[in-house]
Every structure is written in C-alpha cells, then in structure tokens.
PDB file of N, CA and C in Angstrom:
ATOM      1  N   MET A   1     -19.284 -81.040 177.659  1.00  0.00           N
ATOM      2  CA  MET A   1     -19.036 -82.562 177.777  1.00  0.00           C
ATOM      3  C   MET A   1     -20.080 -83.382 178.474  1.00  0.00           C
ATOM      4  N   TYR A   2     -20.633 -84.246 178.162  1.00  0.00           N
ATOM      5  CA  TYR A   2     -21.390 -85.132 178.948  1.00  0.00           C
ATOM      6  C   TYR A   2     -20.971 -86.369 179.243  1.00  0.00           C
ATOM      7  N   ILE A   3     -21.111 -86.465 180.740  1.00  0.00           N
ATOM      8  CA  ILE A   3     -20.675 -87.570 181.455  1.00  0.00           C
ATOM      9  C   ILE A   3     -21.641 -88.569 182.008  1.00  0.00           C
ATOM     10  N   ASP A   4     -21.649 -89.728 181.319  1.00  0.00           N
ATOM     11  CA  ASP A   4     -22.718 -90.713 181.758  1.00  0.00           C
ATOM     12  C   ASP A   4     -22.453 -91.414 183.049  1.00  0.00           C
ATOM     13  N   LEU A   5     -23.062 -91.049 184.139  1.00  0.00           N
ATOM     14  CA  LEU A   5     -22.800 -91.387 185.385  1.00  0.00           C
ATOM     15  C   LEU A   5     -23.059 -92.851 185.598  1.00  0.00           C
ATOM     16  N   SER A   6     -24.274 -93.379 184.939  1.00  0.00           N
ATOM     17  CA  SER A   6     -24.566 -94.749 185.050  1.00  0.00           C
ATOM     18  C   SER A   6     -23.376 -95.642 184.552  1.00  0.00           C
ATOM     19  N   GLN A   7     -22.651 -95.315 183.511  1.00  0.00           N
ATOM     20  CA  GLN A   7     -21.562 -95.993 183.103  1.00  0.00           C
ATOM     21  C   GLN A   7     -20.479 -95.964 183.871  1.00  0.00           C
ATOM     22  N   LYS A   8     -20.135 -95.024 184.496  1.00  0.00           N
ATOM     23  CA  LYS A   8     -19.245 -94.823 185.730  1.00  0.00           C
ATOM     24  C   LYS A   8     -19.436 -95.912 186.876  1.00  0.00           C
ATOM     25  N   LYS A   9     -20.713 -95.799 187.219  1.00  0.00           N
ATOM     26  CA  LYS A   9     -21.266 -96.669 188.454  1.00  0.00           C
ATOM     27  C   LYS A   9     -21.175 -98.084 188.040  1.00  0.00           C
ATOM     28  N   HIS A  10     -21.450 -98.532 186.731  1.00  0.00           N
ATOM     29  CA  HIS A  10     -21.402 -99.906 186.026  1.00  0.00           C
ATOM     30  C   HIS A  10     -20.023-100.343 186.097  1.00  0.00           C
ATOM     31  N   THR A  11     -19.208 -99.459 185.721  1.00  0.00           N
ATOM     32  CA  THR A  11     -17.517 -99.854 185.599  1.00  0.00           C
ATOM     33  C   THR A  11     -17.100 -99.839 187.044  1.00  0.00           C
ATOM     34  N   ARG A  12     -17.327 -99.139 188.084  1.00  0.00           N
ATOM     35  CA  ARG A  12     -16.924 -99.336 189.384  1.00  0.00           C
ATOM     36  C   ARG A  12     -17.656-100.609 190.181  1.00  0.00           C
ATOM     37  N   ASN A  13     -18.812-101.116 189.676  1.00  0.00           N
ATOM     38  CA  ASN A  13     -19.465-102.268 190.018  1.00  0.00           C
ATOM     39  C   ASN A  13     -18.807-103.405 189.475  1.00  0.00           C
ATOM     40  N   ASN A  14     -18.147-103.477 188.298  1.00  0.00           N
ATOM     41  CA  ASN A  14     -17.629-104.421 187.679  1.00  0.00           C
ATOM     42  C   ASN A  14     -16.135-104.712 188.394  1.00  0.00           C
ATOM     43  N   LEU A  15     -15.484-103.337 188.751  1.00  0.00           N
ATOM     44  CA  LEU A  15     -14.358-103.721 189.504  1.00  0.00           C
ATOM     45  C   LEU A  15     -14.481-104.050 190.583  1.00  0.00           C
ATOM     46  N   ILE A  16     -15.316-103.985 191.412  1.00  0.00           N
ATOM     47  CA  ILE A  16     -15.568-104.541 192.808  1.00  0.00           C
ATOM     48  C   ILE A  16     -15.747-105.975 192.673  1.00  0.00           C
ATOM     49  N   ILE A  17     -16.740-106.317 191.706  1.00  0.00           N
ATOM     50  CA  ILE A  17     -16.998-107.800 191.574  1.00  0.00           C
ATOM     51  C   ILE A  17     -15.742-108.552 190.918  1.00  0.00           C
ATOM     52  N   GLU A  18     -15.011-108.016 190.247  1.00  0.00           N
ATOM     53  CA  GLU A  18     -13.752-108.597 189.978  1.00  0.00           C
ATOM     54  C   GLU A  18     -12.591-108.610 190.972  1.00  0.00           C
ATOM     55  N   ILE A  19     -12.729-107.703 191.710  1.00  0.00           N
ATOM     56  CA  ILE A  19     -11.751-107.947 193.001  1.00  0.00           C
ATOM     57  C   ILE A  19     -12.189-109.095 193.863  1.00  0.00           C
ATOM     58  N   ILE A  20     -13.541-109.110 194.113  1.00  0.00           N
ATOM     59  CA  ILE A  20     -14.103-110.117 195.033  1.00  0.00           C
ATOM     60  C   ILE A  20     -13.701-111.353 194.129  1.00  0.00           C
ATOM     61  N   ASN A  21     -13.849-111.650 193.048  1.00  0.00           N
ATOM     62  CA  ASN A  21     -13.556-113.076 192.274  1.00  0.00           C
ATOM     63  C   ASN A  21     -12.082-113.313 192.431  1.00  0.00           C
ATOM     64  N   VAL A  22     -11.262-112.354 192.345  1.00  0.00           N
ATOM     65  CA  VAL A  22      -9.788-112.519 192.503  1.00  0.00           C
ATOM     66  C   VAL A  22      -9.468-113.168 193.842  1.00  0.00           C
ATOM     67  N   ILE A  23     -10.198-112.483 194.801  1.00  0.00           N
ATOM     68  CA  ILE A  23      -9.980-112.889 196.308  1.00  0.00           C
ATOM     69  C   ILE A  23     -10.439-114.166 196.677  1.00  0.00           C
ATOM     70  N   LEU A  24     -11.660-114.557 195.995  1.00  0.00           N
ATOM     71  CA  LEU A  24     -12.408-115.865 196.133  1.00  0.00           C
ATOM     72  C   LEU A  24     -11.443-116.904 195.444  1.00  0.00           C
ATOM     73  N   GLY A  25     -11.073-116.619 194.267  1.00  0.00           N
ATOM     74  CA  GLY A  25     -10.306-117.438 193.504  1.00  0.00           C
ATOM     75  C   GLY A  25      -8.980-118.010 194.134  1.00  0.00           C
ATOM     76  N   ILE A  26      -8.298-116.977 194.765  1.00  0.00           N
ATOM     77  CA  ILE A  26      -7.080-117.434 195.427  1.00  0.00           C
ATOM     78  C   ILE A  26      -7.393-118.253 196.650  1.00  0.00           C
ATOM     79  N   ALA A  27      -8.436-117.950 197.553  1.00  0.00           N
ATOM     80  CA  ALA A  27      -9.019-118.743 198.576  1.00  0.00           C
ATOM     81  C   ALA A  27      -9.371-120.028 198.226  1.00  0.00           C
ATOM     82  N   ILE A  28      -9.980-120.223 197.064  1.00  0.00           N
ATOM     83  CA  ILE A  28     -10.363-121.556 196.669  1.00  0.00           C
ATOM     84  C   ILE A  28      -9.299-122.347 196.219  1.00  0.00           C
ATOM     85  N   ILE A  29      -8.308-121.775 195.469  1.00  0.00           N
ATOM     86  CA  ILE A  29      -7.220-122.554 195.068  1.00  0.00           C
ATOM     87  C   ILE A  29      -6.266-123.059 196.281  1.00  0.00           C
ATOM     88  N   THR A  30      -6.177-122.078 197.245  1.00  0.00           N
ATOM     89  CA  THR A  30      -5.314-122.269 198.530  1.00  0.00           C
ATOM     90  C   THR A  30      -5.920-123.359 199.211  1.00  0.00           C
ATOM     91  N   LEU A  31      -7.437-123.648 199.509  1.00  0.00           N
ATOM     92  CA  LEU A  31      -8.037-124.494 200.362  1.00  0.00           C
ATOM     93  C   LEU A  31      -7.887-125.671 199.520  1.00  0.00           C
ATOM     94  N   ALA A  32      -8.178-125.704 198.348  1.00  0.00           N
ATOM     95  CA  ALA A  32      -8.124-127.048 197.479  1.00  0.00           C
ATOM     96  C   ALA A  32      -6.863-127.705 197.534  1.00  0.00           C
ATOM     97  N   ILE A  33      -5.799-127.004 197.563  1.00  0.00           N
ATOM     98  CA  ILE A  33      -4.319-127.442 197.486  1.00  0.00           C
ATOM     99  C   ILE A  33      -4.173-128.106 198.973  1.00  0.00           C
ATOM    100  N   LEU A  34      -4.659-127.287 200.032  1.00  0.00           N
ATOM    101  CA  LEU A  34      -4.505-127.820 201.355  1.00  0.00           C
ATOM    102  C   LEU A  34      -5.359-129.001 201.577  1.00  0.00           C
ATOM    103  N   THR A  35      -6.458-129.128 200.818  1.00  0.00           N
ATOM    104  CA  THR A  35      -7.415-130.279 201.119  1.00  0.00           C
ATOM    105  C   THR A  35      -6.688-131.398 200.436  1.00  0.00           C
ATOM    106  N   PHE A  36      -6.302-131.438 199.164  1.00  0.00           N
ATOM    107  CA  PHE A  36      -5.889-132.566 198.451  1.00  0.00           C
ATOM    108  C   PHE A  36      -4.599-132.869 198.971  1.00  0.00           C
ATOM    109  N   LEU A  37      -3.608-132.201 199.632  1.00  0.00           N
ATOM    110  CA  LEU A  37      -2.449-132.617 200.356  1.00  0.00           C
ATOM    111  C   LEU A  37      -2.644-133.444 201.524  1.00  0.00           C
ATOM    112  N   ASN A  38      -3.658-133.300 202.187  1.00  0.00           N
ATOM    113  CA  ASN A  38      -4.037-134.095 203.497  1.00  0.00           C
ATOM    114  C   ASN A  38      -5.629-134.131 203.686  1.00  0.00           C
ATOM    115  N   THR A  39      -6.177-135.045 202.620  1.00  0.00           N
ATOM    116  CA  THR A  39      -7.710-135.273 202.524  1.00  0.00           C
ATOM    117  C   THR A  39      -8.404-135.660 203.815  1.00  0.00           C
ATOM    118  N   GLU A  40      -7.620-136.642 204.768  1.00  0.00           N
ATOM    119  CA  GLU A  40      -8.366-136.883 205.838  1.00  0.00           C
ATOM    120  C   GLU A  40      -8.454-135.967 207.087  1.00  0.00           C
ATOM    121  N   GLU A  41      -7.521-135.090 207.067  1.00  0.00           N
ATOM    122  CA  GLU A  41      -7.472-133.791 208.125  1.00  0.00           C
ATOM    123  C   GLU A  41      -8.393-132.738 207.702  1.00  0.00           C
ATOM    124  N   TYR A  42      -8.200-132.311 206.288  1.00  0.00           N
ATOM    125  CA  TYR A  42      -9.119-131.338 205.949  1.00  0.00           C
ATOM    126  C   TYR A  42     -10.226-131.574 205.092  1.00  0.00           C
ATOM    127  N   ALA A  43     -10.883-132.733 205.151  1.00  0.00           N
ATOM    128  CA  ALA A  43     -12.083-133.116 204.528  1.00  0.00           C
ATOM    129  C   ALA A  43     -13.207-132.190 204.598  1.00  0.00           C
ATOM    130  N   PHE A  44     -13.183-131.460 205.766  1.00  0.00           N
ATOM    131  CA  PHE A  44     -14.272-130.495 206.050  1.00  0.00           C
ATOM    132  C   PHE A  44     -14.258-129.456 205.294  1.00  0.00           C
ATOM    133  N   LEU A  45     -13.216-129.037 204.455  1.00  0.00           N
ATOM    134  CA  LEU A  45     -13.067-127.944 203.655  1.00  0.00           C
ATOM    135  C   LEU A  45     -13.917-128.100 202.458  1.00  0.00           C
ATOM    136  N   PHE A  46     -14.136-129.250 201.821  1.00  0.00           N
ATOM    137  CA  PHE A  46     -14.852-129.468 200.709  1.00  0.00           C
ATOM    138  C   PHE A  46     -16.145-128.566 200.541  1.00  0.00           C
ATOM    139  N   PRO A  47     -17.025-128.683 201.403  1.00  0.00           N
ATOM    140  CA  PRO A  47     -18.093-127.749 201.357  1.00  0.00           C
ATOM    141  C   PRO A  47     -17.858-126.372 201.483  1.00  0.00           C
ATOM    142  N   VAL A  48     -16.934-126.028 202.082  1.00  0.00           N
ATOM    143  CA  VAL A  48     -16.363-124.528 202.046  1.00  0.00           C
ATOM    144  C   VAL A  48     -15.972-124.136 200.724  1.00  0.00           C
ATOM    145  N   ILE A  49     -15.074-125.040 200.038  1.00  0.00           N
ATOM    146  CA  ILE A  49     -14.753-124.639 198.769  1.00  0.00           C
ATOM    147  C   ILE A  49     -16.034-124.609 197.775  1.00  0.00           C
ATOM    148  N   PHE A  50     -16.906-125.534 197.948  1.00  0.00           N
ATOM    149  CA  PHE A  50     -17.985-125.499 197.002  1.00  0.00           C
ATOM    150  C   PHE A  50     -18.854-124.033 197.338  1.00  0.00           C
ATOM    151  N   LEU A  51     -18.886-123.676 198.593  1.00  0.00           N
ATOM    152  CA  LEU A  51     -19.721-122.572 198.883  1.00  0.00           C
ATOM    153  C   LEU A  51     -18.976-121.255 198.332  1.00  0.00           C
ATOM    154  N   LEU A  52     -17.655-121.188 198.441  1.00  0.00           N
ATOM    155  CA  LEU A  52     -16.931-120.003 197.759  1.00  0.00           C
ATOM    156  C   LEU A  52     -17.128-120.123 196.261  1.00  0.00           C
ATOM    157  N   GLY A  53     -16.967-121.153 195.550  1.00  0.00           N
ATOM    158  CA  GLY A  53     -17.344-121.294 194.256  1.00  0.00           C
ATOM    159  C   GLY A  53     -18.605-120.728 193.892  1.00  0.00           C
ATOM    160  N   ALA A  54     -19.815-121.302 194.862  1.00  0.00           N
ATOM    161  CA  ALA A  54     -21.163-120.681 194.404  1.00  0.00           C
ATOM    162  C   ALA A  54     -20.988-119.095 194.650  1.00  0.00           C
ATOM    163  N   ILE A  55     -20.506-118.512 195.595  1.00  0.00           N
ATOM    164  CA  ILE A  55     -20.434-117.050 195.839  1.00  0.00           C
ATOM    165  C   ILE A  55     -19.766-116.421 194.664  1.00  0.00           C
ATOM    166  N   MET A  56     -18.636-117.049 194.187  1.00  0.00           N
ATOM    167  CA  MET A  56     -17.757-116.518 193.117  1.00  0.00           C
ATOM    168  C   MET A  56     -18.682-116.589 191.826  1.00  0.00           C
ATOM    169  N   ASN A  57     -19.378-117.578 191.622  1.00  0.00           N
ATOM    170  CA  ASN A  57     -20.174-117.623 190.308  1.00  0.00           C
ATOM    171  C   ASN A  57     -21.506-116.627 190.458  1.00  0.00           C
ATOM    172  N   GLY A  58     -21.852-116.547 191.782  1.00  0.00           N
ATOM    173  CA  GLY A  58     -22.988-115.614 192.050  1.00  0.00           C
ATOM    174  C   GLY A  58     -22.807-114.173 191.552  1.00  0.00           C
ATOM    175  N   ALA A  59     -21.486-113.969 192.042  1.00  0.00           N
ATOM    176  CA  ALA A  59     -21.077-112.440 191.724  1.00  0.00           C
ATOM    177  C   ALA A  59     -20.785-112.262 190.184  1.00  0.00           C
ATOM    178  N   THR A  60     -20.341-113.360 189.652  1.00  0.00           N
ATOM    179  CA  THR A  60     -20.007-113.307 188.095  1.00  0.00           C
ATOM    180  C   THR A  60     -21.507-112.968 187.485  1.00  0.00           C
ATOM    181  N   ALA A  61     -22.565-113.786 187.892  1.00  0.00           N
ATOM    182  CA  ALA A  61     -23.865-113.739 187.439  1.00  0.00           C
ATOM    183  C   ALA A  61     -24.476-112.370 187.684  1.00  0.00           C
ATOM    184  N   LEU A  62     -24.069-111.705 188.866  1.00  0.00           N
ATOM    185  CA  LEU A  62     -24.624-110.283 189.004  1.00  0.00           C
ATOM    186  C   LEU A  62     -23.842-109.528 188.049  1.00  0.00           C
ATOM    187  N   LYS A  63     -22.753-109.734 187.861  1.00  0.00           N
ATOM    188  CA  LYS A  63     -21.863-108.689 186.722  1.00  0.00           C
ATOM    189  C   LYS A  63     -22.712-108.847 185.637  1.00  0.00           C
ATOM    190  N   ASP A  64     -22.946-110.057 185.103  1.00  0.00           N
ATOM    191  CA  ASP A  64     -23.508-110.088 183.934  1.00  0.00           C
ATOM    192  C   ASP A  64     -25.132-109.720 183.781  1.00  0.00           C
ATOM    193  N   PHE A  65     -25.623-109.884 184.825  1.00  0.00           N
ATOM    194  CA  PHE A  65     -27.041-109.217 184.761  1.00  0.00           C
ATOM    195  C   PHE A  65     -27.107-107.948 184.789  1.00  0.00           C
ATOM    196  N   LEU A  66     -26.248-107.174 185.544  1.00  0.00           N
ATOM    197  CA  LEU A  66     -26.109-105.661 185.729  1.00  0.00           C
ATOM    198  C   LEU A  66     -25.825-105.047 184.238  1.00  0.00           C
ATOM    199  N   GLY A  67     -24.771-105.889 183.499  1.00  0.00           N
ATOM    200  CA  GLY A  67     -24.391-105.549 182.282  1.00  0.00           C
ATOM    201  C   GLY A  67     -25.335-105.815 181.039  1.00  0.00           C
ATOM    202  N   SER A  68     -24.847-105.977 179.890  1.00  0.00           N
ATOM    203  CA  SER A  68     -25.982-106.297 178.721  1.00  0.00           C
ATOM    204  C   SER A  68     -25.857-107.846 178.401  1.00  0.00           C
ATOM    205  N   ASN A  69     -25.161-108.588 179.113  1.00  0.00           N
ATOM    206  CA  ASN A  69     -24.907-110.051 178.959  1.00  0.00           C
ATOM    207  C   ASN A  69     -25.749-110.828 179.693  1.00  0.00           C
ATOM    208  N   ARG A  70     -27.357-110.649 179.599  1.00  0.00           N
ATOM    209  CA  ARG A  70     -28.350-111.533 180.489  1.00  0.00           C
ATOM    210  C   ARG A  70     -28.216-112.786 180.071  1.00  0.00           C
ATOM    211  N   GLY A  71     -27.894-113.319 179.022  1.00  0.00           N
ATOM    212  CA  GLY A  71     -28.079-114.656 178.490  1.00  0.00           C
ATOM    213  C   GLY A  71     -27.034-115.457 179.495  1.00  0.00           C
ATOM    214  N   MET A  72     -25.914-114.863 179.418  1.00  0.00           N
ATOM    215  CA  MET A  72     -24.716-115.588 180.162  1.00  0.00           C
ATOM    216  C   MET A  72     -25.039-115.418 181.639  1.00  0.00           C
ATOM    217  N   GLY A  73     -25.744-114.445 182.073  1.00  0.00           N
ATOM    218  CA  GLY A  73     -26.146-114.293 183.449  1.00  0.00           C
ATOM    219  C   GLY A  73     -27.026-115.472 184.056  1.00  0.00           C
ATOM    220  N   ILE A  74     -27.853-115.944 183.005  1.00  0.00           N
ATOM    221  CA  ILE A  74     -28.737-117.053 183.246  1.00  0.00           C
ATOM    222  C   ILE A  74     -27.885-118.234 183.481  1.00  0.00           C
ATOM    223  N   VAL A  75     -27.151-118.456 182.519  1.00  0.00           N
ATOM    224  CA  VAL A  75     -26.296-119.771 182.384  1.00  0.00           C
ATOM    225  C   VAL A  75     -25.426-119.677 183.779  1.00  0.00           C
ATOM    226  N   VAL A  76     -24.735-118.774 184.160  1.00  0.00           N
ATOM    227  CA  VAL A  76     -24.016-118.654 185.358  1.00  0.00           C
ATOM    228  C   VAL A  76     -24.768-118.618 186.541  1.00  0.00           C
ATOM    229  N   SER A  77     -25.990-118.255 186.586  1.00  0.00           N
ATOM    230  CA  SER A  77     -26.861-118.519 187.641  1.00  0.00           C
ATOM    231  C   SER A  77     -27.295-120.063 187.889  1.00  0.00           C
ATOM    232  N   ILE A  78     -27.475-120.610 186.629  1.00  0.00           N
ATOM    233  CA  ILE A  78     -27.661-122.090 186.763  1.00  0.00           C
ATOM    234  C   ILE A  78     -26.517-123.007 187.403  1.00  0.00           C
ATOM    235  N   VAL A  79     -25.271-122.355 187.119  1.00  0.00           N
ATOM    236  CA  VAL A  79     -24.005-123.161 187.542  1.00  0.00           C
ATOM    237  C   VAL A  79     -23.797-122.792 189.071  1.00  0.00           C
ATOM    238  N   THR A  80     -24.311-121.593 189.505  1.00  0.00           N
ATOM    239  CA  THR A  80     -24.094-121.133 191.007  1.00  0.00           C
ATOM    240  C   THR A  80     -25.228-122.115 191.604  1.00  0.00           C
ATOM    241  N   LEU A  81     -26.429-122.343 191.288  1.00  0.00           N
ATOM    242  CA  LEU A  81     -27.273-123.225 191.937  1.00  0.00           C
ATOM    243  C   LEU A  81     -26.769-124.689 192.045  1.00  0.00           C
ATOM    244  N   LEU A  82     -25.926-124.993 190.900  1.00  0.00           N
ATOM    245  CA  LEU A  82     -25.355-126.347 191.049  1.00  0.00           C
ATOM    246  C   LEU A  82     -24.353-126.498 191.960  1.00  0.00           C
ATOM    247  N   PHE A  83     -23.403-125.343 192.127  1.00  0.00           N
ATOM    248  CA  PHE A  83     -22.592-125.227 193.228  1.00  0.00           C
ATOM    249  C   PHE A  83     -23.095-125.299 194.576  1.00  0.00           C
ATOM    250  N   PHE A  84     -24.243-124.522 194.665  1.00  0.00           N
ATOM    251  CA  PHE A  84     -25.062-124.481 195.978  1.00  0.00           C
ATOM    252  C   PHE A  84     -25.258-125.839 196.348  1.00  0.00           C
ATOM    253  N   VAL A  85     -26.130-126.549 195.456  1.00  0.00           N
ATOM    254  CA  VAL A  85     -26.557-127.895 195.885  1.00  0.00           C
ATOM    255  C   VAL A  85     -25.364-128.986 196.023  1.00  0.00           C
ATOM    256  N   ILE A  86     -24.335-128.767 195.253  1.00  0.00           N
ATOM    257  CA  ILE A  86     -23.133-129.703 195.865  1.00  0.00           C
ATOM    258  C   ILE A  86     -22.468-129.248 197.180  1.00  0.00           C
ATOM    259  N   PHE A  87     -22.560-127.843 197.418  1.00  0.00           N
ATOM    260  CA  PHE A  87     -22.125-127.563 198.709  1.00  0.00           C
ATOM    261  C   PHE A  87     -23.040-128.183 199.894  1.00  0.00           C
ATOM    262  N   ILE A  88     -24.347-128.036 199.530  1.00  0.00           N
ATOM    263  CA  ILE A  88     -25.384-128.605 200.634  1.00  0.00           C
ATOM    264  C   ILE A  88     -25.198-130.165 200.818  1.00  0.00           C
ATOM    265  N   ALA A  89     -24.873-130.883 199.701  1.00  0.00           N
ATOM    266  CA  ALA A  89     -24.708-132.412 199.550  1.00  0.00           C
ATOM    267  C   ALA A  89     -23.457-132.774 200.353  1.00  0.00           C
ATOM    268  N   SER A  90     -22.294-131.994 200.108  1.00  0.00           N
ATOM    269  CA  SER A  90     -21.110-132.273 200.491  1.00  0.00           C
ATOM    270  C   SER A  90     -21.256-131.915 202.098  1.00  0.00           C
ATOM    271  N   ALA A  91     -21.885-130.932 202.413  1.00  0.00           N
ATOM    272  CA  ALA A  91     -21.941-130.556 203.786  1.00  0.00           C
ATOM    273  C   ALA A  91     -22.534-131.678 204.832  1.00  0.00           C
ATOM    274  N   VAL A  92     -23.792-132.286 204.108  1.00  0.00           N
ATOM    275  CA  VAL A  92     -24.547-133.115 204.828  1.00  0.00           C
ATOM    276  C   VAL A  92     -23.768-134.426 205.094  1.00  0.00           C
ATOM    277  N   VAL A  93     -22.907-134.725 203.810  1.00  0.00           N
ATOM    278  CA  VAL A  93     -21.990-136.050 204.012  1.00  0.00           C
ATOM    279  C   VAL A  93     -21.001-135.823 204.883  1.00  0.00           C
ATOM    280  N   ILE A  94     -20.251-135.013 204.891  1.00  0.00           N
ATOM    281  CA  ILE A  94     -18.968-134.687 205.670  1.00  0.00           C
ATOM    282  C   ILE A  94     -19.199-134.435 207.267  1.00  0.00           C
ATOM    283  N   TRP A  95     -20.320-133.499 207.466  1.00  0.00           N
ATOM    284  CA  TRP A  95     -20.676-133.154 208.812  1.00  0.00           C
ATOM    285  C   TRP A  95     -21.603-134.094 209.536  1.00  0.00           C
ATOM    286  N   ARG A  96     -21.918-135.340 208.939  1.00  0.00           N
ATOM    287  CA  ARG A  96     -22.832-135.974 209.459  1.00  0.00           C
ATOM    288  C   ARG A  96     -22.154-136.977 210.617  1.00  0.00           C
TER     289      ARG A  96
END
C-alpha cells in the first residue's frame, strides 16, 4: 500500500490553518461586540480587529496557495492587503 506523505502533510497544514481561523474568528467577534457596546472606551480595538482579520485572511490565502485553489488564493490575498491597509489607516486615526 502506497501512502502519499505530501497529502498527509497538506491535510495537517489545513487543519492547523482552520484551527487558527476559528480562534481568530472567536477573538474578532468578541472584540467587535465589546467595541460596539462601548465605542468611546474601546475605540482603540478597531485597528486590532482589522489586523486580526488580515491575519485570518492571510492564513486562508496560504491554505489556498498550498492547495490547488491558486485563483482564490490571489483573491483572498488582495482582501488581506485591503484589511491591512484599513488596519494602518484606522491605527493612524485612532492613535493620533
């Protein structure tokens, strides 16, 4: 019986990336709820939320590039860059 070790490694990488996405998703939702409940006090969390979103999309883009879905990896990479630009803009506005 032939076992494809590259497929096993690819599956493990996908599992790690999905676990990272779940943890980041929970963190983003928690921070967003906290921020919108008391905007004046927690306004500094907006850049953090966008940074976590950029990291989450970057992990998804990495998963797509490692798999066979390179076109979607390019699209998600563009969204990652958009989130990162929004992170920088909101950090400049909030922390100024």
